C-alpha atoms as a PDB file:
ATOM      1  CA  UNK A   1     -27.153  -8.029  17.169  1.00  0.00           C
ATOM      2  CA  UNK A   2     -23.774  -7.174  18.742  1.00  0.00           C
ATOM      3  CA  UNK A   3     -24.162  -3.460  19.444  1.00  0.00           C
ATOM      4  CA  UNK A   4     -20.994  -1.394  19.861  1.00  0.00           C
ATOM      5  CA  UNK A   5     -20.370   2.273  20.528  1.00  0.00           C
ATOM      6  CA  UNK A   6     -21.453   4.372  17.509  1.00  0.00           C
ATOM      7  CA  UNK A   7     -18.610   4.554  15.029  1.00  0.00           C
ATOM      8  CA  UNK A   8     -17.515   7.893  13.599  1.00  0.00           C
ATOM      9  CA  UNK A   9     -14.639   6.826  11.337  1.00  0.00           C
ATOM     10  CA  UNK A  10     -13.393   3.835   9.331  1.00  0.00           C
ATOM     11  CA  UNK A  11      -9.793   3.518   8.161  1.00  0.00           C
ATOM     12  CA  UNK A  12      -8.697   1.196   5.368  1.00  0.00           C
ATOM     13  CA  UNK A  13      -5.559  -0.570   4.290  1.00  0.00           C
ATOM     14  CA  UNK A  14      -5.226  -0.499   0.495  1.00  0.00           C
ATOM     15  CA  UNK A  15      -3.204  -3.361  -1.066  1.00  0.00           C
ATOM     16  CA  UNK A  16      -4.973  -6.752  -0.830  1.00  0.00           C
ATOM     17  CA  UNK A  17      -7.829  -5.099   0.993  1.00  0.00           C
ATOM     18  CA  UNK A  18      -9.469  -2.900  -1.657  1.00  0.00           C
ATOM     19  CA  UNK A  19      -7.812  -4.728  -4.590  1.00  0.00           C
ATOM     20  CA  UNK A  20      -5.690  -7.791  -5.304  1.00  0.00           C
ATOM     21  CA  UNK A  21      -2.120  -6.591  -5.389  1.00  0.00           C
ATOM     22  CA  UNK A  22       0.035  -9.543  -6.448  1.00  0.00           C
ATOM     23  CA  UNK A  23      -0.556  -9.269 -10.202  1.00  0.00           C
ATOM     24  CA  UNK A  24      -0.102  -5.491 -10.138  1.00  0.00           C
ATOM     25  CA  UNK A  25       3.240  -5.800  -8.367  1.00  0.00           C
ATOM     26  CA  UNK A  26       4.544  -8.507 -10.709  1.00  0.00           C
ATOM     27  CA  UNK A  27       3.625  -6.411 -13.776  1.00  0.00           C
ATOM     28  CA  UNK A  28       5.083  -3.272 -12.182  1.00  0.00           C
ATOM     29  CA  UNK A  29       8.313  -4.888 -11.073  1.00  0.00           C
ATOM     30  CA  UNK A  30       9.098  -6.595 -14.353  1.00  0.00           C
ATOM     31  CA  UNK A  31       7.641  -3.803 -16.499  1.00  0.00           C
ATOM     32  CA  UNK A  32       9.659  -0.889 -15.175  1.00  0.00           C
ATOM     33  CA  UNK A  33      12.890  -2.906 -15.053  1.00  0.00           C
ATOM     34  CA  UNK A  34      12.452  -4.047 -18.663  1.00  0.00           C
ATOM     35  CA  UNK A  35      11.709  -0.443 -19.632  1.00  0.00           C
ATOM     36  CA  UNK A  36      14.907   0.760 -17.974  1.00  0.00           C
ATOM     37  CA  UNK A  37      17.009  -1.939 -19.638  1.00  0.00           C
ATOM     38  CA  UNK A  38      15.542  -1.172 -23.071  1.00  0.00           C
ATOM     39  CA  UNK A  39      15.621   2.630 -22.934  1.00  0.00           C
ATOM     40  CA  UNK A  40      19.014   2.822 -21.294  1.00  0.00           C
ATOM     41  CA  UNK A  41      20.418   0.460 -23.890  1.00  0.00           C
ATOM     42  CA  UNK A  42      19.049   2.606 -26.710  1.00  0.00           C
ATOM     43  CA  UNK A  43      20.458   5.749 -25.109  1.00  0.00           C
ATOM     44  CA  UNK A  44      23.885   4.249 -24.664  1.00  0.00           C
ATOM     45  CA  UNK A  45      23.833   2.896 -28.226  1.00  0.00           C
ATOM     46  CA  UNK A  46      23.167   6.407 -29.594  1.00  0.00           C
ATOM     47  CA  UNK A  47      26.203   7.602 -27.659  1.00  0.00           C
ATOM     48  CA  UNK A  48      28.310   4.747 -29.005  1.00  0.00           C
ATOM     49  CA  UNK A  49      28.680   3.280 -25.511  1.00  0.00           C
ATOM     50  CA  UNK A  50      26.429   0.220 -25.608  1.00  0.00           C
ATOM     51  CA  UNK A  51      28.268  -2.958 -24.883  1.00  0.00           C
ATOM     52  CA  UNK A  52      27.643  -6.346 -23.406  1.00  0.00           C
ATOM     53  CA  UNK A  53      26.252  -7.254 -20.948  1.00  0.00           C
ATOM     54  CA  UNK A  54      23.210  -4.992 -20.808  1.00  0.00           C
ATOM     55  CA  UNK A  55      22.124  -3.429 -17.526  1.00  0.00           C
ATOM     56  CA  UNK A  56      19.588  -6.212 -16.781  1.00  0.00           C
ATOM     57  CA  UNK A  57      22.136  -8.853 -17.722  1.00  0.00           C
ATOM     58  CA  UNK A  58      24.690  -7.302 -15.381  1.00  0.00           C
ATOM     59  CA  UNK A  59      22.080  -6.768 -12.657  1.00  0.00           C
ATOM     60  CA  UNK A  60      19.192  -9.235 -12.925  1.00  0.00           C
ATOM     61  CA  UNK A  61      15.989  -8.399 -11.151  1.00  0.00           C
ATOM     62  CA  UNK A  62      17.033 -10.616  -8.239  1.00  0.00           C
ATOM     63  CA  UNK A  63      20.119  -8.441  -7.748  1.00  0.00           C
ATOM     64  CA  UNK A  64      17.893  -5.357  -7.592  1.00  0.00           C
ATOM     65  CA  UNK A  65      15.792  -7.026  -4.892  1.00  0.00           C
ATOM     66  CA  UNK A  66      18.898  -7.976  -2.911  1.00  0.00           C
ATOM     67  CA  UNK A  67      20.268  -4.439  -3.164  1.00  0.00           C
ATOM     68  CA  UNK A  68      17.016  -3.004  -1.815  1.00  0.00           C
ATOM     69  CA  UNK A  69      17.049  -5.386   1.147  1.00  0.00           C
ATOM     70  CA  UNK A  70      20.675  -4.437   1.911  1.00  0.00           C
ATOM     71  CA  UNK A  71      19.739  -0.752   1.837  1.00  0.00           C
ATOM     72  CA  UNK A  72      16.825  -1.371   4.178  1.00  0.00           C
ATOM     73  CA  UNK A  73      19.163  -3.043   6.641  1.00  0.00           C
ATOM     74  CA  UNK A  74      21.727  -0.238   6.464  1.00  0.00           C
ATOM     75  CA  UNK A  75      19.048   2.530   6.655  1.00  0.00           C
ATOM     76  CA  UNK A  76      16.555   1.142   9.168  1.00  0.00           C
ATOM     77  CA  UNK A  77      14.520   4.365   9.369  1.00  0.00           C
ATOM     78  CA  UNK A  78      13.905   4.039   5.629  1.00  0.00           C
ATOM     79  CA  UNK A  79      12.957   0.356   5.728  1.00  0.00           C
ATOM     80  CA  UNK A  80       9.328   1.114   4.930  1.00  0.00           C
ATOM     81  CA  UNK A  81       9.961   3.926   2.395  1.00  0.00           C
ATOM     82  CA  UNK A  82       9.841   1.645  -0.616  1.00  0.00           C
ATOM     83  CA  UNK A  83      10.026   4.414  -3.201  1.00  0.00           C
ATOM     84  CA  UNK A  84      13.217   5.804  -1.659  1.00  0.00           C
ATOM     85  CA  UNK A  85      14.756   2.319  -1.378  1.00  0.00           C
ATOM     86  CA  UNK A  86      14.007   1.516  -5.035  1.00  0.00           C
ATOM     87  CA  UNK A  87      15.321   4.777  -6.425  1.00  0.00           C
ATOM     88  CA  UNK A  88      18.455   4.707  -4.241  1.00  0.00           C
ATOM     89  CA  UNK A  89      19.201   1.080  -5.270  1.00  0.00           C
ATOM     90  CA  UNK A  90      18.769   1.889  -8.947  1.00  0.00           C
ATOM     91  CA  UNK A  91      21.008   4.912  -8.681  1.00  0.00           C
ATOM     92  CA  UNK A  92      23.785   2.953  -7.013  1.00  0.00           C
ATOM     93  CA  UNK A  93      23.512   0.070  -9.475  1.00  0.00           C
ATOM     94  CA  UNK A  94      23.515   2.422 -12.466  1.00  0.00           C
ATOM     95  CA  UNK A  95      26.636   4.117 -11.110  1.00  0.00           C
ATOM     96  CA  UNK A  96      28.268   0.712 -10.706  1.00  0.00           C
ATOM     97  CA  UNK A  97      27.228  -0.048 -14.309  1.00  0.00           C
ATOM     98  CA  UNK A  98      29.354   2.921 -15.381  1.00  0.00           C
ATOM     99  CA  UNK A  99      27.028   5.938 -15.543  1.00  0.00           C
ATOM    100  CA  UNK A 100      28.248   9.198 -14.095  1.00  0.00           C
ATOM    101  CA  UNK A 101      26.378  10.406 -10.967  1.00  0.00           C
ATOM    102  CA  UNK A 102      24.147  12.852 -12.833  1.00  0.00           C
ATOM    103  CA  UNK A 103      23.117  10.308 -15.457  1.00  0.00           C
ATOM    104  CA  UNK A 104      22.580   7.631 -12.821  1.00  0.00           C
ATOM    105  CA  UNK A 105      20.282   9.942 -10.886  1.00  0.00           C
ATOM    106  CA  UNK A 106      18.281  10.937 -13.984  1.00  0.00           C
ATOM    107  CA  UNK A 107      17.810   7.336 -15.182  1.00  0.00           C
ATOM    108  CA  UNK A 108      16.853   6.165 -11.668  1.00  0.00           C
ATOM    109  CA  UNK A 109      14.251   8.919 -11.484  1.00  0.00           C
ATOM    110  CA  UNK A 110      12.935   8.056 -14.952  1.00  0.00           C
ATOM    111  CA  UNK A 111      12.666   4.369 -14.049  1.00  0.00           C
ATOM    112  CA  UNK A 112      10.740   5.257 -10.908  1.00  0.00           C
ATOM    113  CA  UNK A 113       8.351   7.435 -12.860  1.00  0.00           C
ATOM    114  CA  UNK A 114       7.655   4.392 -15.008  1.00  0.00           C
ATOM    115  CA  UNK A 115       7.329   2.277 -11.883  1.00  0.00           C
ATOM    116  CA  UNK A 116       4.770   4.636 -10.339  1.00  0.00           C
ATOM    117  CA  UNK A 117       2.755   4.766 -13.559  1.00  0.00           C
ATOM    118  CA  UNK A 118       2.476   0.967 -13.588  1.00  0.00           C
ATOM    119  CA  UNK A 119       2.006   0.758  -9.826  1.00  0.00           C
ATOM    120  CA  UNK A 120      -1.206   2.761 -10.020  1.00  0.00           C
ATOM    121  CA  UNK A 121      -2.825   0.468 -12.550  1.00  0.00           C
ATOM    122  CA  UNK A 122      -4.754  -1.216  -9.769  1.00  0.00           C
ATOM    123  CA  UNK A 123      -8.281  -2.512 -10.251  1.00  0.00           C
ATOM    124  CA  UNK A 124     -10.333  -2.097  -7.092  1.00  0.00           C
ATOM    125  CA  UNK A 125     -12.881  -4.792  -6.419  1.00  0.00           C
ATOM    126  CA  UNK A 126     -16.130  -3.805  -8.182  1.00  0.00           C
ATOM    127  CA  UNK A 127     -17.881  -3.371  -4.836  1.00  0.00           C
ATOM    128  CA  UNK A 128     -15.323  -0.890  -3.495  1.00  0.00           C
ATOM    129  CA  UNK A 129     -16.541   2.269  -5.250  1.00  0.00           C
ATOM    130  CA  UNK A 130     -20.184   2.023  -4.112  1.00  0.00           C
ATOM    131  CA  UNK A 131     -19.060   0.763  -0.707  1.00  0.00           C
ATOM    132  CA  UNK A 132     -16.847   3.822  -0.084  1.00  0.00           C
ATOM    133  CA  UNK A 133     -19.422   6.188  -1.550  1.00  0.00           C
ATOM    134  CA  UNK A 134     -22.043   4.793   0.859  1.00  0.00           C
ATOM    135  CA  UNK A 135     -19.756   4.730   3.875  1.00  0.00           C
ATOM    136  CA  UNK A 136     -18.649   8.322   3.315  1.00  0.00           C
ATOM    137  CA  UNK A 137     -22.240   9.465   3.956  1.00  0.00           C
ATOM    138  CA  UNK A 138     -22.040   8.073   7.497  1.00  0.00           C
ATOM    139  CA  UNK A 139     -18.356   8.022   8.491  1.00  0.00           C
ATOM    140  CA  UNK A 140     -15.096   9.895   8.142  1.00  0.00           C
ATOM    141  CA  UNK A 141     -12.763   7.780   5.984  1.00  0.00           C
ATOM    142  CA  UNK A 142      -8.994   7.438   5.812  1.00  0.00           C
ATOM    143  CA  UNK A 143      -6.467   5.140   4.177  1.00  0.00           C
ATOM    144  CA  UNK A 144      -3.361   3.840   5.972  1.00  0.00           C
ATOM    145  CA  UNK A 145      -0.878   1.981   3.815  1.00  0.00           C
ATOM    146  CA  UNK A 146       2.639   0.700   3.950  1.00  0.00           C
ATOM    147  CA  UNK A 147       2.724   0.595   0.173  1.00  0.00           C
ATOM    148  CA  UNK A 148       3.635   3.393  -2.227  1.00  0.00           C
ATOM    149  CA  UNK A 149       0.300   3.808  -3.959  1.00  0.00           C
ATOM    150  CA  UNK A 150      -0.725   7.489  -3.739  1.00  0.00           C
ATOM    151  CA  UNK A 151      -4.438   6.918  -3.307  1.00  0.00           C
ATOM    152  CA  UNK A 152      -5.253  10.432  -4.482  1.00  0.00           C
ATOM    153  CA  UNK A 153      -4.041   9.419  -7.949  1.00  0.00           C
ATOM    154  CA  UNK A 154      -6.900   6.902  -8.106  1.00  0.00           C
ATOM    155  CA  UNK A 155     -10.543   7.697  -8.755  1.00  0.00           C
ATOM    156  CA  UNK A 156     -11.522   6.298  -5.381  1.00  0.00           C
ATOM    157  CA  UNK A 157      -9.107   8.679  -3.696  1.00  0.00           C
ATOM    158  CA  UNK A 158     -11.867  11.259  -3.480  1.00  0.00           C
ATOM    159  CA  UNK A 159     -13.405   9.207  -0.706  1.00  0.00           C
ATOM    160  CA  UNK A 160     -10.292   9.536   1.478  1.00  0.00           C
ATOM    161  CA  UNK A 161      -9.839  13.086   2.799  1.00  0.00           C
ATOM    162  CA  UNK A 162      -7.058  11.638   4.969  1.00  0.00           C
ATOM    163  CA  UNK A 163      -4.392   9.385   3.369  1.00  0.00           C
ATOM    164  CA  UNK A 164      -1.459   8.169   5.430  1.00  0.00           C
ATOM    165  CA  UNK A 165       1.662   6.730   3.741  1.00  0.00           C
ATOM    166  CA  UNK A 166       3.222   5.017   6.758  1.00  0.00           C
ATOM    167  CA  UNK A 167       6.588   4.272   5.136  1.00  0.00           C
ATOM    168  CA  UNK A 168       7.164   7.881   4.166  1.00  0.00           C
ATOM    169  CA  UNK A 169       6.616   8.964   7.781  1.00  0.00           C
ATOM    170  CA  UNK A 170       9.303   6.396   8.799  1.00  0.00           C
ATOM    171  CA  UNK A 171       6.734   4.479  10.846  1.00  0.00           C
ATOM    172  CA  UNK A 172       5.445   1.524   8.814  1.00  0.00           C
ATOM    173  CA  UNK A 173       2.666  -0.540  10.304  1.00  0.00           C
ATOM    174  CA  UNK A 174       2.456  -2.180  12.813  1.00  0.00           C
ATOM    175  CA  UNK A 175       3.861   0.994  14.343  1.00  0.00           C
ATOM    176  CA  UNK A 176       0.890   2.777  15.969  1.00  0.00           C
ATOM    177  CA  UNK A 177       1.919   6.239  14.723  1.00  0.00           C
ATOM    178  CA  UNK A 178       0.225   6.081  11.303  1.00  0.00           C
ATOM    179  CA  UNK A 179      -3.012   5.025  13.008  1.00  0.00           C
ATOM    180  CA  UNK A 180      -2.704   7.857  15.534  1.00  0.00           C
ATOM    181  CA  UNK A 181      -1.966  10.299  12.749  1.00  0.00           C
ATOM    182  CA  UNK A 182      -5.090   9.233  10.866  1.00  0.00           C
ATOM    183  CA  UNK A 183      -7.270   9.409  13.965  1.00  0.00           C
ATOM    184  CA  UNK A 184      -5.873  12.799  14.823  1.00  0.00           C
ATOM    185  CA  UNK A 185      -6.574  14.202  11.377  1.00  0.00           C
ATOM    186  CA  UNK A 186     -10.051  12.645  11.403  1.00  0.00           C
ATOM    187  CA  UNK A 187     -10.732  14.094  14.812  1.00  0.00           C
ATOM    188  CA  UNK A 188     -11.954  10.842  16.407  1.00  0.00           C
ATOM    189  CA  UNK A 189     -10.940   8.667  19.338  1.00  0.00           C
ATOM    190  CA  UNK A 190      -9.864   5.027  18.821  1.00  0.00           C
ATOM    191  CA  UNK A 191     -13.052   3.771  20.527  1.00  0.00           C
ATOM    192  CA  UNK A 192     -15.143   5.410  17.815  1.00  0.00           C
ATOM    193  CA  UNK A 193     -13.106   4.096  14.885  1.00  0.00           C
ATOM    194  CA  UNK A 194     -12.707   0.839  12.953  1.00  0.00           C
ATOM    195  CA  UNK A 195      -9.764  -0.281  10.850  1.00  0.00           C
ATOM    196  CA  UNK A 196     -10.125  -2.677   7.914  1.00  0.00           C
ATOM    197  CA  UNK A 197      -7.107  -4.563   6.570  1.00  0.00           C
ATOM    198  CA  UNK A 198      -5.767  -7.896   5.342  1.00  0.00           C
ATOM    199  CA  UNK A 199      -2.745  -8.297   7.630  1.00  0.00           C
ATOM    200  CA  UNK A 200      -3.119  -9.639  11.167  1.00  0.00           C
ATOM    201  CA  UNK A 201       0.273  -8.225  12.197  1.00  0.00           C
ATOM    202  CA  UNK A 202       0.173  -4.896  10.388  1.00  0.00           C
ATOM    203  CA  UNK A 203      -3.537  -4.075  10.556  1.00  0.00           C
ATOM    204  CA  UNK A 204      -5.413  -6.004  13.202  1.00  0.00           C
ATOM    205  CA  UNK A 205      -2.893  -6.060  16.066  1.00  0.00           C
ATOM    206  CA  UNK A 206      -1.995  -2.336  16.097  1.00  0.00           C
ATOM    207  CA  UNK A 207      -5.586  -1.227  15.666  1.00  0.00           C
ATOM    208  CA  UNK A 208      -6.720  -3.527  18.469  1.00  0.00           C
ATOM    209  CA  UNK A 209      -3.954  -2.353  20.800  1.00  0.00           C
ATOM    210  CA  UNK A 210      -5.123   1.236  20.326  1.00  0.00           C
ATOM    211  CA  UNK A 211      -8.717   0.311  21.186  1.00  0.00           C
ATOM    212  CA  UNK A 212     -10.165   0.441  17.658  1.00  0.00           C
ATOM    213  CA  UNK A 213     -12.546  -2.124  16.217  1.00  0.00           C
ATOM    214  CA  UNK A 214     -10.576  -4.207  13.718  1.00  0.00           C
ATOM    215  CA  UNK A 215     -11.774  -6.083  10.614  1.00  0.00           C
ATOM    216  CA  UNK A 216      -9.496  -8.789   9.259  1.00  0.00           C
ATOM    217  CA  UNK A 217     -10.037  -9.398   5.539  1.00  0.00           C
ATOM    218  CA  UNK A 218      -8.732 -12.863   4.857  1.00  0.00           C
ATOM    219  CA  UNK A 219     -10.002 -16.009   3.131  1.00  0.00           C
ATOM    220  CA  UNK A 220      -8.099 -17.976   5.745  1.00  0.00           C
ATOM    221  CA  UNK A 221     -10.309 -20.287   7.760  1.00  0.00           C
ATOM    222  CA  UNK A 222      -9.457 -20.226  11.438  1.00  0.00           C
ATOM    223  CA  UNK A 223     -11.584 -21.954  14.065  1.00  0.00           C
ATOM    224  CA  UNK A 224      -9.884 -20.160  16.974  1.00  0.00           C
ATOM    225  CA  UNK A 225     -12.046 -17.509  18.629  1.00  0.00           C
ATOM    226  CA  UNK A 226     -11.115 -13.939  17.822  1.00  0.00           C
ATOM    227  CA  UNK A 227     -10.313 -11.352  20.501  1.00  0.00           C
ATOM    228  CA  UNK A 228     -13.084  -8.914  21.427  1.00  0.00           C
ATOM    229  CA  UNK A 229     -13.442  -6.161  18.879  1.00  0.00           C
ATOM    230  CA  UNK A 230     -11.861  -8.153  16.072  1.00  0.00           C
ATOM    231  CA  UNK A 231     -14.050  -9.375  13.191  1.00  0.00           C
ATOM    232  CA  UNK A 232     -13.146 -11.705  10.337  1.00  0.00           C
ATOM    233  CA  UNK A 233     -14.455 -11.309   6.785  1.00  0.00           C
ATOM    234  CA  UNK A 234     -13.586 -13.156   3.606  1.00  0.00           C
ATOM    235  CA  UNK A 235     -13.934 -10.065   1.450  1.00  0.00           C
ATOM    236  CA  UNK A 236     -14.415  -6.308   1.926  1.00  0.00           C
ATOM    237  CA  UNK A 237     -17.831  -6.574   0.224  1.00  0.00           C
ATOM    238  CA  UNK A 238     -19.074  -8.166   3.452  1.00  0.00           C
ATOM    239  CA  UNK A 239     -18.393  -5.023   5.494  1.00  0.00           C
ATOM    240  CA  UNK A 240     -21.919  -3.534   5.316  1.00  0.00           C
ATOM    241  CA  UNK A 241     -23.459  -6.716   6.681  1.00  0.00           C
ATOM    242  CA  UNK A 242     -20.953  -6.702   9.562  1.00  0.00           C
ATOM    243  CA  UNK A 243     -21.748  -3.060  10.363  1.00  0.00           C
ATOM    244  CA  UNK A 244     -25.427  -3.853  10.531  1.00  0.00           C
ATOM    245  CA  UNK A 245     -24.748  -6.768  12.861  1.00  0.00           C
ATOM    246  CA  UNK A 246     -22.876  -4.359  15.104  1.00  0.00           C
ATOM    247  CA  UNK A 247     -25.788  -1.924  15.081  1.00  0.00           C
ATOM    248  CA  UNK A 248     -23.956   0.634  12.938  1.00  0.00           C
ATOM    249  CA  UNK A 249     -25.002   2.612   9.890  1.00  0.00           C
ATOM    250  CA  UNK A 250     -24.333   0.727   6.676  1.00  0.00           C
ATOM    251  CA  UNK A 251     -24.898   1.378   2.959  1.00  0.00           C
ATOM    252  CA  UNK A 252     -27.250  -0.868   1.025  1.00  0.00           C
ATOM    253  CA  UNK A 253     -25.252  -2.701  -1.598  1.00  0.00           C
ATOM    254  CA  UNK A 254     -26.300  -5.549  -3.875  1.00  0.00           C
ATOM    255  CA  UNK A 255     -25.848  -8.875  -2.046  1.00  0.00           C
ATOM    256  CA  UNK A 256     -24.504  -7.101   1.039  1.00  0.00           C
END
């Protein structure tokens, strides 16, 4: 058993840690853009203004992605605020398409409402709910994400009294500030906390530099030894077994 100082808190990344995010993002990206093209076309047609090309023909999805990247470069403080970047890009493209400023703003906002509805159709791994419920009996929990999922909109959000949206505080990971904000609100020191995430650069490295234990969730096989305080797991379901190996409290889960 590798015994460590008793942990008081565990922080979690969300996307690709508690659920698989790729399929959600593909469906969200294409879904909200198709919705905007269809509904805007119908609205313009009713006003006798619909012509050719349509919005999505004039601005394919790839153009939307390029516009967002250009905005991120020109507004570096906003580079991690994905919701702002998306809405601003849509508003500018809609204006270029010919909408007046008020209409462009309203349609951009409506498209982002559709985006956020689809964005929250995530399916946490089946082990996540009992895992968080069990951990919350022993530890203070927080989420730290660069994404724009508002975890409190999800059922599992009740397990996270502290939820940090790093991009909205203009400090996306690997900036240490979202970690420090979470630790401050949890009332724990880094030495008594563990962070769990899928990104070496955005999760493991900043947590380790602060003195937290770090868990790297990745199916990647790497034979190189890990730094002290860093632990590799294939899946978040393996976390209870790791905690027990470290001499920490851990919930009993099936096959854990």
